[in-house]
Amino acid sequence: MAPPETITQFDLNAEIERFPPDVPSGRRSETLIKTPRLRVVLITMRDGTELHEHVAPGTITVQPIRGRFAFTAGDDEREIAAGTLISVESGVRHAVRALEDGAFLLTIGWSGGDRPGDES
């Protein structure tokens, strides 16, 4: 029996090309990593597309890979681009708007008792 794989590697540029934004919505999300306490999601968005205000089920990070985005949490809006990383605690309402075509990694982490059920 082969040992379990311990390293998973992604070519993010290739993944972005594989998962361009859907034409009608202007955005697309693909889960790259899914474990009981961690999700890593690649989100691609067209210029002007928005992820309307919502709350994440755990602490999140948003790390742009391409493009520029406006990230809003409450009254605080920040422009983020490749080379930046933003973090928001669980329960904070936030929104994202693409300022140009782009892609970012969304990471969601849960501690012991605050993770949602395992969606498939």
N, C-alpha and C. Protein backbone atom coordinates (compact mmCIF):
# COMPACT_ATOMS: atom_id res chain seq x y z
N MET A 1 0.85 -1.18 0.00
CA MET A 1 0.00 0.00 0.00
C MET A 1 0.89 1.25 0.00
N ALA A 2 0.61 2.17 -0.88
CA ALA A 2 1.41 3.40 -1.00
C ALA A 2 1.10 4.32 0.17
N PRO A 3 2.12 5.06 0.65
CA PRO A 3 1.88 6.01 1.75
C PRO A 3 1.00 7.16 1.26
N PRO A 4 0.25 7.79 2.15
CA PRO A 4 -0.59 8.92 1.72
C PRO A 4 0.28 10.06 1.22
N GLU A 5 -0.25 10.80 0.28
CA GLU A 5 0.47 11.95 -0.25
C GLU A 5 0.54 13.03 0.81
N THR A 6 1.71 13.57 1.06
CA THR A 6 1.86 14.59 2.10
C THR A 6 2.05 15.99 1.53
N ILE A 7 2.39 16.08 0.26
CA ILE A 7 2.58 17.39 -0.37
C ILE A 7 1.66 17.50 -1.57
N THR A 8 0.92 18.60 -1.59
CA THR A 8 0.08 18.91 -2.75
C THR A 8 0.59 20.22 -3.33
N GLN A 9 0.81 20.24 -4.64
CA GLN A 9 1.35 21.43 -5.28
C GLN A 9 0.44 21.84 -6.41
N PHE A 10 0.26 23.16 -6.56
CA PHE A 10 -0.56 23.72 -7.64
C PHE A 10 0.25 24.73 -8.42
N ASP A 11 0.09 24.72 -9.72
CA ASP A 11 0.61 25.78 -10.58
C ASP A 11 -0.54 26.78 -10.71
N LEU A 12 -0.51 27.85 -9.92
CA LEU A 12 -1.64 28.77 -9.86
C LEU A 12 -1.94 29.43 -11.20
N ASN A 13 -0.92 29.74 -11.98
CA ASN A 13 -1.18 30.32 -13.30
C ASN A 13 -1.95 29.35 -14.18
N ALA A 14 -1.60 28.07 -14.14
CA ALA A 14 -2.32 27.06 -14.91
C ALA A 14 -3.75 26.91 -14.39
N GLU A 15 -3.92 26.94 -13.08
CA GLU A 15 -5.26 26.81 -12.49
C GLU A 15 -6.14 28.00 -12.89
N ILE A 16 -5.57 29.20 -12.90
CA ILE A 16 -6.33 30.38 -13.31
C ILE A 16 -6.80 30.23 -14.76
N GLU A 17 -5.93 29.73 -15.62
CA GLU A 17 -6.30 29.52 -17.02
C GLU A 17 -7.36 28.43 -17.16
N ARG A 18 -7.31 27.41 -16.33
CA ARG A 18 -8.30 26.32 -16.36
C ARG A 18 -9.66 26.76 -15.89
N PHE A 19 -9.71 27.74 -15.00
CA PHE A 19 -10.96 28.16 -14.38
C PHE A 19 -11.23 29.64 -14.58
N PRO A 20 -11.43 30.07 -15.84
CA PRO A 20 -11.75 31.48 -16.08
C PRO A 20 -13.14 31.80 -15.52
N PRO A 21 -13.43 33.08 -15.27
CA PRO A 21 -14.75 33.44 -14.75
C PRO A 21 -15.87 32.99 -15.67
N ASP A 22 -17.00 32.60 -15.07
CA ASP A 22 -18.20 32.28 -15.85
C ASP A 22 -18.65 33.55 -16.57
N VAL A 23 -19.15 33.40 -17.77
CA VAL A 23 -19.57 34.56 -18.55
C VAL A 23 -20.75 35.29 -17.90
N PRO A 24 -21.84 34.61 -17.52
CA PRO A 24 -22.97 35.38 -16.97
C PRO A 24 -22.67 36.08 -15.65
N SER A 25 -22.01 35.40 -14.73
CA SER A 25 -21.78 35.99 -13.40
C SER A 25 -20.52 36.84 -13.33
N GLY A 26 -19.54 36.56 -14.19
CA GLY A 26 -18.28 37.29 -14.15
C GLY A 26 -17.32 36.79 -13.09
N ARG A 27 -17.65 35.66 -12.47
CA ARG A 27 -16.75 35.12 -11.45
C ARG A 27 -16.86 33.60 -11.42
N ARG A 28 -15.86 32.98 -10.83
CA ARG A 28 -15.85 31.53 -10.68
C ARG A 28 -15.01 31.18 -9.47
N SER A 29 -15.42 30.15 -8.77
CA SER A 29 -14.63 29.68 -7.63
C SER A 29 -14.44 28.17 -7.73
N GLU A 30 -13.23 27.74 -7.45
CA GLU A 30 -12.88 26.32 -7.47
C GLU A 30 -12.10 26.01 -6.20
N THR A 31 -12.57 25.02 -5.46
CA THR A 31 -11.88 24.61 -4.24
C THR A 31 -10.66 23.80 -4.62
N LEU A 32 -9.49 24.26 -4.18
CA LEU A 32 -8.25 23.56 -4.46
C LEU A 32 -7.89 22.59 -3.34
N ILE A 33 -8.15 22.99 -2.11
CA ILE A 33 -7.84 22.16 -0.94
C ILE A 33 -9.05 22.17 -0.02
N LYS A 34 -9.44 20.97 0.43
CA LYS A 34 -10.59 20.85 1.33
C LYS A 34 -10.28 19.82 2.40
N THR A 35 -10.11 20.30 3.63
CA THR A 35 -9.89 19.42 4.77
C THR A 35 -10.89 19.83 5.84
N PRO A 36 -11.00 19.07 6.92
CA PRO A 36 -11.97 19.43 7.97
C PRO A 36 -11.77 20.83 8.57
N ARG A 37 -10.55 21.36 8.56
CA ARG A 37 -10.31 22.66 9.19
C ARG A 37 -9.74 23.72 8.25
N LEU A 38 -9.67 23.41 6.96
CA LEU A 38 -9.07 24.35 6.01
C LEU A 38 -9.69 24.21 4.64
N ARG A 39 -9.97 25.36 4.01
CA ARG A 39 -10.37 25.40 2.61
C ARG A 39 -9.48 26.42 1.93
N VAL A 40 -9.03 26.09 0.72
CA VAL A 40 -8.32 27.04 -0.13
C VAL A 40 -9.08 27.07 -1.44
N VAL A 41 -9.57 28.25 -1.79
CA VAL A 41 -10.43 28.41 -2.96
C VAL A 41 -9.80 29.43 -3.90
N LEU A 42 -9.72 29.07 -5.18
CA LEU A 42 -9.26 29.99 -6.21
C LEU A 42 -10.49 30.69 -6.77
N ILE A 43 -10.50 32.02 -6.72
CA ILE A 43 -11.62 32.80 -7.24
C ILE A 43 -11.10 33.68 -8.37
N THR A 44 -11.73 33.55 -9.53
CA THR A 44 -11.41 34.41 -10.67
C THR A 44 -12.59 35.35 -10.89
N MET A 45 -12.29 36.62 -11.21
CA MET A 45 -13.34 37.63 -11.38
C MET A 45 -13.01 38.56 -12.54
N ARG A 46 -14.04 38.97 -13.25
CA ARG A 46 -13.92 39.99 -14.29
C ARG A 46 -14.03 41.38 -13.66
N ASP A 47 -13.43 42.36 -14.31
CA ASP A 47 -13.49 43.75 -13.88
C ASP A 47 -14.94 44.15 -13.58
N GLY A 48 -15.15 44.74 -12.41
CA GLY A 48 -16.48 45.23 -12.04
C GLY A 48 -17.36 44.21 -11.33
N THR A 49 -16.97 42.95 -11.33
CA THR A 49 -17.76 41.91 -10.67
C THR A 49 -17.62 42.04 -9.15
N GLU A 50 -18.70 41.73 -8.43
CA GLU A 50 -18.68 41.85 -6.97
C GLU A 50 -19.06 40.55 -6.30
N LEU A 51 -18.45 40.30 -5.16
CA LEU A 51 -18.93 39.31 -4.20
C LEU A 51 -19.60 40.17 -3.14
N HIS A 52 -20.91 40.18 -3.13
CA HIS A 52 -21.65 41.07 -2.23
C HIS A 52 -21.37 40.74 -0.78
N GLU A 53 -21.69 41.68 0.08
CA GLU A 53 -21.39 41.56 1.50
C GLU A 53 -21.91 40.23 2.05
N HIS A 54 -21.05 39.56 2.82
CA HIS A 54 -21.39 38.27 3.41
C HIS A 54 -20.48 38.03 4.62
N VAL A 55 -20.73 36.94 5.32
CA VAL A 55 -19.93 36.56 6.48
C VAL A 55 -19.34 35.19 6.20
N ALA A 56 -18.06 35.01 6.49
CA ALA A 56 -17.40 33.71 6.31
C ALA A 56 -17.56 32.88 7.58
N PRO A 57 -17.59 31.56 7.44
CA PRO A 57 -17.78 30.68 8.59
C PRO A 57 -16.52 30.47 9.43
N GLY A 58 -15.42 31.12 9.08
CA GLY A 58 -14.17 30.99 9.83
C GLY A 58 -13.28 32.18 9.50
N THR A 59 -12.12 32.23 10.09
CA THR A 59 -11.14 33.26 9.76
C THR A 59 -10.71 33.07 8.32
N ILE A 60 -10.58 34.17 7.58
CA ILE A 60 -10.20 34.08 6.17
C ILE A 60 -8.95 34.90 5.89
N THR A 61 -8.29 34.53 4.80
CA THR A 61 -7.29 35.39 4.18
C THR A 61 -7.66 35.52 2.71
N VAL A 62 -7.34 36.65 2.14
CA VAL A 62 -7.52 36.90 0.71
C VAL A 62 -6.17 37.34 0.17
N GLN A 63 -5.67 36.61 -0.82
CA GLN A 63 -4.35 36.89 -1.39
C GLN A 63 -4.47 36.98 -2.91
N PRO A 64 -4.47 38.21 -3.45
CA PRO A 64 -4.54 38.36 -4.90
C PRO A 64 -3.33 37.73 -5.60
N ILE A 65 -3.60 37.07 -6.72
CA ILE A 65 -2.57 36.47 -7.56
C ILE A 65 -2.39 37.32 -8.82
N ARG A 66 -3.51 37.80 -9.36
CA ARG A 66 -3.53 38.69 -10.52
C ARG A 66 -4.59 39.75 -10.30
N GLY A 67 -4.38 40.93 -10.86
CA GLY A 67 -5.41 41.97 -10.82
C GLY A 67 -5.41 42.77 -9.53
N ARG A 68 -6.41 43.65 -9.44
CA ARG A 68 -6.61 44.50 -8.27
C ARG A 68 -8.05 44.36 -7.80
N PHE A 69 -8.24 44.46 -6.48
CA PHE A 69 -9.56 44.28 -5.89
C PHE A 69 -9.78 45.33 -4.81
N ALA A 70 -11.05 45.69 -4.60
CA ALA A 70 -11.44 46.52 -3.46
C ALA A 70 -12.04 45.57 -2.44
N PHE A 71 -11.45 45.54 -1.25
CA PHE A 71 -11.93 44.67 -0.18
C PHE A 71 -12.54 45.57 0.89
N THR A 72 -13.80 45.32 1.24
CA THR A 72 -14.51 46.15 2.21
C THR A 72 -14.93 45.31 3.40
N ALA A 73 -14.67 45.82 4.59
CA ALA A 73 -15.15 45.22 5.84
C ALA A 73 -15.68 46.38 6.68
N GLY A 74 -16.98 46.42 6.87
CA GLY A 74 -17.58 47.56 7.58
C GLY A 74 -17.36 48.84 6.80
N ASP A 75 -16.82 49.86 7.45
CA ASP A 75 -16.54 51.14 6.80
C ASP A 75 -15.13 51.21 6.22
N ASP A 76 -14.37 50.13 6.35
CA ASP A 76 -12.97 50.10 5.91
C ASP A 76 -12.88 49.46 4.53
N GLU A 77 -12.41 50.22 3.53
CA GLU A 77 -12.19 49.67 2.19
C GLU A 77 -10.71 49.80 1.85
N ARG A 78 -10.16 48.70 1.36
CA ARG A 78 -8.75 48.69 0.99
C ARG A 78 -8.59 48.14 -0.41
N GLU A 79 -7.65 48.73 -1.15
CA GLU A 79 -7.30 48.16 -2.45
C GLU A 79 -6.20 47.14 -2.21
N ILE A 80 -6.39 45.95 -2.78
CA ILE A 80 -5.39 44.90 -2.64
C ILE A 80 -5.03 44.39 -4.03
N ALA A 81 -3.78 43.98 -4.18
CA ALA A 81 -3.26 43.49 -5.45
C ALA A 81 -2.24 42.40 -5.17
N ALA A 82 -1.73 41.79 -6.24
CA ALA A 82 -0.71 40.75 -6.08
C ALA A 82 0.39 41.25 -5.16
N GLY A 83 0.82 40.39 -4.25
CA GLY A 83 1.85 40.76 -3.30
C GLY A 83 1.29 41.21 -1.96
N THR A 84 -0.04 41.31 -1.85
CA THR A 84 -0.65 41.68 -0.57
C THR A 84 -1.47 40.51 -0.03
N LEU A 85 -1.72 40.56 1.25
CA LEU A 85 -2.52 39.55 1.94
C LEU A 85 -3.35 40.27 2.97
N ILE A 86 -4.63 39.94 3.02
CA ILE A 86 -5.52 40.56 4.00
C ILE A 86 -6.17 39.44 4.80
N SER A 87 -6.43 39.68 6.08
CA SER A 87 -7.04 38.68 6.94
C SER A 87 -8.24 39.29 7.65
N VAL A 88 -9.29 38.49 7.82
CA VAL A 88 -10.51 38.94 8.49
C VAL A 88 -10.98 37.81 9.42
N GLU A 89 -11.34 38.18 10.61
CA GLU A 89 -11.81 37.19 11.58
C GLU A 89 -13.20 36.68 11.22
N SER A 90 -13.53 35.53 11.73
CA SER A 90 -14.83 34.91 11.54
C SER A 90 -15.93 35.87 12.00
N GLY A 91 -17.03 35.91 11.25
CA GLY A 91 -18.18 36.70 11.63
C GLY A 91 -18.17 38.14 11.17
N VAL A 92 -17.10 38.60 10.52
CA VAL A 92 -17.02 39.98 10.04
C VAL A 92 -17.63 40.06 8.64
N ARG A 93 -18.60 40.96 8.47
CA ARG A 93 -19.22 41.15 7.16
C ARG A 93 -18.21 41.82 6.23
N HIS A 94 -18.10 41.31 5.00
CA HIS A 94 -17.12 41.85 4.06
C HIS A 94 -17.60 41.62 2.63
N ALA A 95 -16.99 42.35 1.70
CA ALA A 95 -17.32 42.25 0.28
C ALA A 95 -16.05 42.44 -0.53
N VAL A 96 -16.07 41.95 -1.77
CA VAL A 96 -14.92 42.08 -2.68
C VAL A 96 -15.44 42.54 -4.03
N ARG A 97 -14.75 43.52 -4.64
CA ARG A 97 -15.09 44.00 -5.99
C ARG A 97 -13.82 43.99 -6.84
N ALA A 98 -13.91 43.41 -8.02
CA ALA A 98 -12.76 43.40 -8.93
C ALA A 98 -12.61 44.77 -9.58
N LEU A 99 -11.42 45.36 -9.46
CA LEU A 99 -11.12 46.64 -10.09
C LEU A 99 -10.55 46.44 -11.49
N GLU A 100 -10.15 45.20 -11.78
CA GLU A 100 -9.74 44.76 -13.10
C GLU A 100 -9.82 43.23 -13.09
N ASP A 101 -9.74 42.61 -14.26
CA ASP A 101 -9.77 41.15 -14.31
C ASP A 101 -8.69 40.61 -13.38
N GLY A 102 -9.02 39.56 -12.64
CA GLY A 102 -8.02 39.04 -11.73
C GLY A 102 -8.43 37.74 -11.06
N ALA A 103 -7.58 37.31 -10.14
CA ALA A 103 -7.80 36.07 -9.39
C ALA A 103 -7.17 36.22 -8.02
N PHE A 104 -7.79 35.57 -7.04
CA PHE A 104 -7.21 35.55 -5.69
C PHE A 104 -7.46 34.21 -5.03
N LEU A 105 -6.63 33.94 -4.03
CA LEU A 105 -6.82 32.76 -3.21
C LEU A 105 -7.56 33.18 -1.95
N LEU A 106 -8.64 32.47 -1.66
CA LEU A 106 -9.39 32.63 -0.43
C LEU A 106 -9.08 31.43 0.44
N THR A 107 -8.59 31.68 1.64
CA THR A 107 -8.31 30.61 2.59
C THR A 107 -9.26 30.79 3.77
N ILE A 108 -9.93 29.71 4.15
CA ILE A 108 -10.83 29.72 5.30
C ILE A 108 -10.32 28.69 6.29
N GLY A 109 -10.11 29.11 7.53
CA GLY A 109 -9.65 28.19 8.56
C GLY A 109 -10.62 28.16 9.72
N TRP A 110 -10.81 26.96 10.28
CA TRP A 110 -11.69 26.78 11.42
C TRP A 110 -10.91 26.22 12.60
N SER A 111 -11.25 26.68 13.79
CA SER A 111 -10.69 26.07 14.98
C SER A 111 -11.63 24.93 15.40
N GLY A 112 -11.35 24.30 16.49
CA GLY A 112 -12.08 23.12 16.94
C GLY A 112 -13.58 23.14 16.76
N GLY A 113 -14.31 24.07 17.36
CA GLY A 113 -15.76 23.96 17.35
C GLY A 113 -16.49 24.87 16.38
N ASP A 114 -15.79 25.65 15.56
CA ASP A 114 -16.51 26.62 14.74
C ASP A 114 -16.57 26.29 13.26
N ARG A 115 -16.20 25.09 12.87
CA ARG A 115 -16.27 24.76 11.45
C ARG A 115 -17.65 24.25 11.08
N PRO A 116 -18.10 24.51 9.86
CA PRO A 116 -19.40 24.03 9.41
C PRO A 116 -19.34 22.54 9.11
N GLY A 117 -20.48 21.97 8.81
CA GLY A 117 -20.52 20.57 8.39
C GLY A 117 -19.72 20.39 7.12
N ASP A 118 -19.32 19.19 6.83
CA ASP A 118 -18.49 18.89 5.66
C ASP A 118 -19.37 18.85 4.42
N GLU A 119 -19.35 19.95 3.65
CA GLU A 119 -20.13 20.00 2.41
C GLU A 119 -19.36 19.28 1.33
N SER A 120 -20.04 18.58 0.49
CA SER A 120 -19.36 17.90 -0.63
C SER A 120 -19.69 18.57 -1.92
